C-alpha atoms as a PDB file:
ATOM      1  CA  MET A   1     -24.287 143.512  91.908  1.00  0.00           C
ATOM      2  CA  SER A   2     -21.016 142.534  93.246  1.00  0.00           C
ATOM      3  CA  ALA A   3     -19.673 139.036  94.226  1.00  0.00           C
ATOM      4  CA  THR A   4     -18.994 139.892  97.808  1.00  0.00           C
ATOM      5  CA  ASP A   5     -22.297 141.417  98.357  1.00  0.00           C
ATOM      6  CA  PRO A   6     -24.608 138.085 100.557  1.00  0.00           C
ATOM      7  CA  PRO A   7     -27.397 137.897  98.252  1.00  0.00           C
ATOM      8  CA  PRO A   8     -31.489 139.656  98.873  1.00  0.00           C
ATOM      9  CA  ASP A   9     -32.918 136.224 100.459  1.00  0.00           C
ATOM     10  CA  PHE A  10     -30.109 134.982 103.045  1.00  0.00           C
ATOM     11  CA  MET A  11     -32.434 132.203 103.127  1.00  0.00           C
ATOM     12  CA  ALA A  12     -32.135 130.754 100.544  1.00  0.00           C
ATOM     13  CA  PHE A  13     -27.859 132.116 100.755  1.00  0.00           C
ATOM     14  CA  MET A  14     -27.897 129.258 103.891  1.00  0.00           C
ATOM     15  CA  GLN A  15     -30.006 126.610 102.083  1.00  0.00           C
ATOM     16  CA  LYS A  16     -27.470 127.021  98.822  1.00  0.00           C
ATOM     17  CA  MET A  17     -24.452 127.176 100.832  1.00  0.00           C
ATOM     18  CA  TRP A  18     -26.249 123.790 103.793  1.00  0.00           C
ATOM     19  CA  ASN A  19     -27.728 121.965 100.307  1.00  0.00           C
ATOM     20  CA  PRO A  20     -25.930 122.653  96.905  1.00  0.00           C
ATOM     21  CA  MET A  21     -27.816 120.419  95.065  1.00  0.00           C
ATOM     22  CA  SER A  22     -30.624 122.013  95.857  1.00  0.00           C
ATOM     23  CA  PHE A  23     -32.174 118.730  97.724  1.00  0.00           C
ATOM     24  CA  PRO A  24     -34.934 119.719  99.987  1.00  0.00           C
ATOM     25  CA  VAL A  25     -34.172 119.151 103.262  1.00  0.00           C
ATOM     26  CA  PRO A  26     -37.027 118.996 106.437  1.00  0.00           C
ATOM     27  CA  GLY A  27     -36.734 119.726 109.432  1.00  0.00           C
ATOM     28  CA  MET A  28     -34.249 122.027 108.801  1.00  0.00           C
ATOM     29  CA  PHE A  29     -35.550 125.410 109.680  1.00  0.00           C
ATOM     30  CA  MET A  30     -38.990 124.239 109.625  1.00  0.00           C
ATOM     31  CA  PRO A  31     -40.044 120.764 110.103  1.00  0.00           C
ATOM     32  CA  THR A  32     -42.427 119.046 107.656  1.00  0.00           C
ATOM     33  CA  ALA A  33     -46.017 118.597 108.781  1.00  0.00           C
ATOM     34  CA  ASN A  34     -47.437 116.517 105.502  1.00  0.00           C
ATOM     35  CA  VAL A  35     -47.390 113.013 106.404  1.00  0.00           C
ATOM     36  CA  GLU A  36     -47.052 112.140 102.664  1.00  0.00           C
ATOM     37  CA  GLU A  37     -43.864 113.560 102.109  1.00  0.00           C
ATOM     38  CA  ILE A  38     -42.768 111.618 105.427  1.00  0.00           C
ATOM     39  CA  GLU A  39     -43.880 108.145 104.197  1.00  0.00           C
ATOM     40  CA  LYS A  40     -41.778 108.382 101.222  1.00  0.00           C
ATOM     41  CA  LYS A  41     -38.537 109.948 102.308  1.00  0.00           C
ATOM     42  CA  ILE A  42     -39.181 106.522 104.773  1.00  0.00           C
ATOM     43  CA  ALA A  43     -39.848 104.295 101.931  1.00  0.00           C
ATOM     44  CA  GLU A  44     -36.599 106.177 100.217  1.00  0.00           C
ATOM     45  CA  LEU A  45     -34.334 105.727 103.505  1.00  0.00           C
ATOM     46  CA  LYS A  46     -35.451 102.224 103.538  1.00  0.00           C
ATOM     47  CA  GLY A  47     -34.575 101.502 100.492  1.00  0.00           C
ATOM     48  CA  VAL A  48     -30.977 103.327 100.936  1.00  0.00           C
ATOM     49  CA  GLU A  49     -30.751 100.930 103.911  1.00  0.00           C
ATOM     50  CA  ASN A  50     -31.509  97.704 101.725  1.00  0.00           C
ATOM     51  CA  TRP A  51     -28.866  98.806  99.096  1.00  0.00           C
ATOM     52  CA  LEU A  52     -26.429  99.220 101.735  1.00  0.00           C
ATOM     53  CA  HIS A  53     -26.716  96.483 103.273  1.00  0.00           C
ATOM     54  CA  MET A  54     -26.998  94.928 100.189  1.00  0.00           C
ATOM     55  CA  ASN A  55     -23.604  96.166  99.670  1.00  0.00           C
ATOM     56  CA  ILE A  56     -22.502  94.874 102.722  1.00  0.00           C
ATOM     57  CA  GLY A  57     -22.775  91.172 101.414  1.00  0.00           C
ATOM     58  CA  PHE A  58     -21.243  91.630  99.034  1.00  0.00           C
ATOM     59  CA  LEU A  59     -17.727  93.953 100.605  1.00  0.00           C
ATOM     60  CA  GLN A  60     -18.208  90.545 102.778  1.00  0.00           C
ATOM     61  CA  MET A  61     -18.344  87.975 100.067  1.00  0.00           C
ATOM     62  CA  THR A  62     -15.166  89.386  98.543  1.00  0.00           C
ATOM     63  CA  VAL A  63     -12.593  89.464 101.870  1.00  0.00           C
ATOM     64  CA  LYS A  64     -13.957  85.955 102.242  1.00  0.00           C
ATOM     65  CA  THR A  65     -12.968  84.859  98.916  1.00  0.00           C
ATOM     66  CA  LEU A  66      -9.294  86.918  99.574  1.00  0.00           C
ATOM     67  CA  GLU A  67      -8.864  85.068 102.540  1.00  0.00           C
ATOM     68  CA  MET A  68      -9.867  81.339 101.112  1.00  0.00           C
ATOM     69  CA  GLN A  69      -7.474  82.823  98.227  1.00  0.00           C
ATOM     70  CA  LYS A  70      -4.215  83.409 100.647  1.00  0.00           C
ATOM     71  CA  SER A  71      -4.798  80.217 102.763  1.00  0.00           C
ATOM     72  CA  ALA A  72      -4.816  78.549  99.567  1.00  0.00           C
ATOM     73  CA  LEU A  73      -1.652  80.444  98.067  1.00  0.00           C
ATOM     74  CA  SER A  74      -0.289  79.190 101.546  1.00  0.00           C
ATOM     75  CA  SER A  75      -0.593  75.890 101.987  1.00  0.00           C
ATOM     76  CA  PHE A  76       0.375  75.437  98.183  1.00  0.00           C
ATOM     77  CA  ALA A  77       3.229  77.415  98.426  1.00  0.00           C
ATOM     78  CA  SER A  78       4.623  75.478 101.888  1.00  0.00           C
ATOM     79  CA  ALA A  79       3.778  72.179 100.469  1.00  0.00           C
ATOM     80  CA  VAL A  80       6.277  73.115  97.536  1.00  0.00           C
ATOM     81  CA  LYS A  81       8.729  74.002 100.069  1.00  0.00           C
ATOM     82  CA  GLU A  82       8.407  70.206 101.880  1.00  0.00           C
ATOM     83  CA  ASP A  83       8.681  68.183  98.435  1.00  0.00           C
ATOM     84  CA  PRO A  84      11.896  67.055  96.466  1.00  0.00           C
ATOM     85  CA  PRO A  85      11.160  68.361  92.731  1.00  0.00           C
ATOM     86  CA  ASP A  86      10.372  65.058  90.959  1.00  0.00           C
ATOM     87  CA  ASP A  87      14.116  65.048  88.576  1.00  0.00           C
ATOM     88  CA  ALA A  88      16.188  64.080  91.613  1.00  0.00           C
ATOM     89  CA  PRO A  89      16.464  60.154  92.472  1.00  0.00           C
ATOM     90  CA  ALA A  90      16.517  58.756  95.199  1.00  0.00           C
ATOM     91  CA  GLY A  91      18.895  58.808  97.873  1.00  0.00           C
ATOM     92  CA  GLU A  92      21.018  61.230  95.866  1.00  0.00           C
ATOM     93  CA  PRO A  93      21.242  65.187  97.244  1.00  0.00           C
ATOM     94  CA  GLU A  94      19.473  67.460  95.166  1.00  0.00           C
ATOM     95  CA  ASP A  95      23.019  69.129  93.738  1.00  0.00           C
ATOM     96  CA  GLY A  96      24.080  66.110  91.813  1.00  0.00           C
ATOM     97  CA  LYS A  97      27.321  65.675  94.219  1.00  0.00           C
ATOM     98  CA  LYS A  98      27.155  61.651  95.757  1.00  0.00           C
ATOM     99  CA  PRO A  99      27.452  61.413  99.255  1.00  0.00           C
ATOM    100  CA  ARG A 100      30.885  60.901 100.392  1.00  0.00           C
ATOM    101  CA  LYS A 101      31.337  57.328 101.593  1.00  0.00           C
ATOM    102  CA  HIS A 102      33.466  56.531 104.878  1.00  0.00           C
ATOM    103  CA  LYS A 103      36.513  54.799 105.410  1.00  0.00           C
ATOM    104  CA  ARG A 104      36.191  52.465 108.099  1.00  0.00           C
ATOM    105  CA  VAL A 105      38.758  52.472 111.084  1.00  0.00           C
END
């Protein structure tokens, strides 16, 4: 049998193509009539749903933390820009030059 020939069982080929990990896919060709299997699948999917909700909570908490960090950094940066350095004497400019005195005319 060459690589281009289709497999003898076409349904097995389609199952392999649509589901390469070979997980059972009920309802794809024939609906599941077993109640226990349906209940098992519901329980599995509820577990996945809970896991996803937990990850959403972690993601939202991370976003809020980063927003708070950004806000703190921006307020700190604006406070630093507004305050003059502590080592400059009061009344003198930061460049160290003395202000000029104007003569009265």
